[in-house]
Each structure stands twice: as structure tokens, then as C-alpha cells.
């Protein structure tokens, strides 16, 4: 996996929120995710997450790589927050 792809994915609308929801609610459904993002965005992100190996193919659960990416997003957001203060 190239860092550039992950960087681009992070910058897309809904990425962090959808990953967070899946992390907190493993096994959730696409219908559940519509509460936090529009259906087309959810479908696009899930396709990308599967393509990049961040979620399992058959269920909405993070893979080990997905968990690491989720953790990295939290680190980035923490740095952005502390830098803005």
C-alpha cells in the first residue's frame, strides 16, 4: 500500500467518520452508516476500504491494517488539534 493512497483516502469526506463508526460498531450494516454520511459516499468509501484492505471483504469490521490506519487518523487529528491551540 502506498502512503499517497492512504493520504488521499484520509482527505476524502467521510473517511474518518465511517472508519470510526465501523471501529466502534464492528459488524454494523451499510444502513447504519447512512446515519453519518450520504449513501453514495458510504458506498464509495466501503469500496475503497475493501480495495485497500482496511475492512474485511465479507463484513464491516476493520482488518489489522484498518485498525492501524484508524489509529493514525486519531494521531493526525490530535496533532492538528494541539497545533491549532
C-alpha atoms as a PDB file:
ATOM      1  CA  UNK A   1       0.000   0.000   0.000  1.00  0.00           C
ATOM      2  CA  UNK A   2       1.393   3.350  -0.982  1.00  0.00           C
ATOM      3  CA  UNK A   3       1.318   6.183   1.529  1.00  0.00           C
ATOM      4  CA  UNK A   4      -0.052   8.510  -1.159  1.00  0.00           C
ATOM      5  CA  UNK A   5      -3.211   6.404  -1.483  1.00  0.00           C
ATOM      6  CA  UNK A   6      -3.797   6.483   2.263  1.00  0.00           C
ATOM      7  CA  UNK A   7      -3.140  10.218   2.380  1.00  0.00           C
ATOM      8  CA  UNK A   8      -5.687  10.776  -0.394  1.00  0.00           C
ATOM      9  CA  UNK A   9      -8.201   8.487   1.319  1.00  0.00           C
ATOM     10  CA  UNK A  10      -7.796  10.389   4.601  1.00  0.00           C
ATOM     11  CA  UNK A  11      -8.574  13.673   2.851  1.00  0.00           C
ATOM     12  CA  UNK A  12     -11.883  12.430   1.396  1.00  0.00           C
ATOM     13  CA  UNK A  13     -15.151  13.446   3.039  1.00  0.00           C
ATOM     14  CA  UNK A  14     -16.492  10.855   5.459  1.00  0.00           C
ATOM     15  CA  UNK A  15     -13.402   8.648   5.688  1.00  0.00           C
ATOM     16  CA  UNK A  16     -12.572   9.302   9.336  1.00  0.00           C
ATOM     17  CA  UNK A  17     -16.202   9.247  10.444  1.00  0.00           C
ATOM     18  CA  UNK A  18     -17.029   5.996   8.658  1.00  0.00           C
ATOM     19  CA  UNK A  19     -13.883   4.245   9.916  1.00  0.00           C
ATOM     20  CA  UNK A  20     -14.632   5.437  13.446  1.00  0.00           C
ATOM     21  CA  UNK A  21     -18.186   4.102  13.246  1.00  0.00           C
ATOM     22  CA  UNK A  22     -17.005   0.703  11.984  1.00  0.00           C
ATOM     23  CA  UNK A  23     -14.337   0.612  14.709  1.00  0.00           C
ATOM     24  CA  UNK A  24     -16.896   1.326  17.433  1.00  0.00           C
ATOM     25  CA  UNK A  25     -19.633  -0.887  15.897  1.00  0.00           C
ATOM     26  CA  UNK A  26     -17.992  -3.933  14.281  1.00  0.00           C
ATOM     27  CA  UNK A  27     -20.423  -5.867  12.133  1.00  0.00           C
ATOM     28  CA  UNK A  28     -22.658  -2.845  11.510  1.00  0.00           C
ATOM     29  CA  UNK A  29     -24.551  -2.540   8.231  1.00  0.00           C
ATOM     30  CA  UNK A  30     -24.432  -0.044   5.391  1.00  0.00           C
ATOM     31  CA  UNK A  31     -27.843   1.138   6.537  1.00  0.00           C
ATOM     32  CA  UNK A  32     -26.326   2.014   9.928  1.00  0.00           C
ATOM     33  CA  UNK A  33     -23.632   4.064   8.203  1.00  0.00           C
ATOM     34  CA  UNK A  34     -26.217   6.214   6.418  1.00  0.00           C
ATOM     35  CA  UNK A  35     -26.721   7.980   9.740  1.00  0.00           C
ATOM     36  CA  UNK A  36     -23.289   9.592   9.424  1.00  0.00           C
ATOM     37  CA  UNK A  37     -22.838  10.023   5.658  1.00  0.00           C
ATOM     38  CA  UNK A  38     -24.847  10.054   2.453  1.00  0.00           C
ATOM     39  CA  UNK A  39     -25.367   6.667   0.815  1.00  0.00           C
ATOM     40  CA  UNK A  40     -23.157   7.339  -2.261  1.00  0.00           C
ATOM     41  CA  UNK A  41     -20.286   8.444  -0.016  1.00  0.00           C
ATOM     42  CA  UNK A  42     -20.694   5.368   2.191  1.00  0.00           C
ATOM     43  CA  UNK A  43     -20.643   3.044  -0.824  1.00  0.00           C
ATOM     44  CA  UNK A  44     -17.571   4.738  -2.298  1.00  0.00           C
ATOM     45  CA  UNK A  45     -15.642   4.634   0.975  1.00  0.00           C
ATOM     46  CA  UNK A  46     -16.537   0.995   1.677  1.00  0.00           C
ATOM     47  CA  UNK A  47     -15.357   0.045  -1.806  1.00  0.00           C
ATOM     48  CA  UNK A  48     -12.071   1.865  -1.226  1.00  0.00           C
ATOM     49  CA  UNK A  49     -11.660   0.408   2.280  1.00  0.00           C
ATOM     50  CA  UNK A  50     -12.063  -3.104   0.873  1.00  0.00           C
ATOM     51  CA  UNK A  51      -9.748  -2.389  -2.058  1.00  0.00           C
ATOM     52  CA  UNK A  52      -7.048  -1.092   0.299  1.00  0.00           C
ATOM     53  CA  UNK A  53      -7.532  -3.934   2.777  1.00  0.00           C
ATOM     54  CA  UNK A  54      -8.819  -1.763   5.621  1.00  0.00           C
ATOM     55  CA  UNK A  55     -12.022  -3.750   6.178  1.00  0.00           C
ATOM     56  CA  UNK A  56     -12.883  -7.404   5.700  1.00  0.00           C
ATOM     57  CA  UNK A  57     -14.465  -8.395   2.389  1.00  0.00           C
ATOM     58  CA  UNK A  58     -17.489 -10.135   3.887  1.00  0.00           C
ATOM     59  CA  UNK A  59     -18.328  -7.992   6.929  1.00  0.00           C
ATOM     60  CA  UNK A  60     -17.901  -4.443   8.159  1.00  0.00           C
ATOM     61  CA  UNK A  61     -15.011  -4.974  10.539  1.00  0.00           C
ATOM     62  CA  UNK A  62     -11.572  -3.379  10.441  1.00  0.00           C
ATOM     63  CA  UNK A  63      -8.601  -5.525   9.478  1.00  0.00           C
ATOM     64  CA  UNK A  64      -5.302  -5.095  11.328  1.00  0.00           C
ATOM     65  CA  UNK A  65      -4.265  -2.588   8.665  1.00  0.00           C
ATOM     66  CA  UNK A  66      -7.585  -0.795   9.125  1.00  0.00           C
ATOM     67  CA  UNK A  67      -7.008  -0.588  12.876  1.00  0.00           C
ATOM     68  CA  UNK A  68      -3.549   0.903  12.294  1.00  0.00           C
ATOM     69  CA  UNK A  69      -4.958   3.428   9.817  1.00  0.00           C
ATOM     70  CA  UNK A  70      -7.715   4.317  12.305  1.00  0.00           C
ATOM     71  CA  UNK A  71      -5.078   4.862  14.989  1.00  0.00           C
ATOM     72  CA  UNK A  72      -3.027   7.009  12.622  1.00  0.00           C
ATOM     73  CA  UNK A  73      -6.061   9.177  11.862  1.00  0.00           C
ATOM     74  CA  UNK A  74      -6.511   9.759  15.597  1.00  0.00           C
ATOM     75  CA  UNK A  75      -2.848  10.761  15.902  1.00  0.00           C
ATOM     76  CA  UNK A  76      -3.152  13.195  12.994  1.00  0.00           C
ATOM     77  CA  UNK A  77      -6.324  14.732  14.427  1.00  0.00           C
ATOM     78  CA  UNK A  78      -4.688  15.045  17.834  1.00  0.00           C
ATOM     79  CA  UNK A  79      -1.680  16.812  16.317  1.00  0.00           C
ATOM     80  CA  UNK A  80      -3.921  19.126  14.308  1.00  0.00           C
ATOM     81  CA  UNK A  81      -5.925  19.957  17.429  1.00  0.00           C
ATOM     82  CA  UNK A  82      -2.865  20.650  19.597  1.00  0.00           C
ATOM     83  CA  UNK A  83      -1.263  22.717  16.833  1.00  0.00           C
ATOM     84  CA  UNK A  84      -4.340  24.928  16.463  1.00  0.00           C
ATOM     85  CA  UNK A  85      -4.382  25.876  20.148  1.00  0.00           C
END
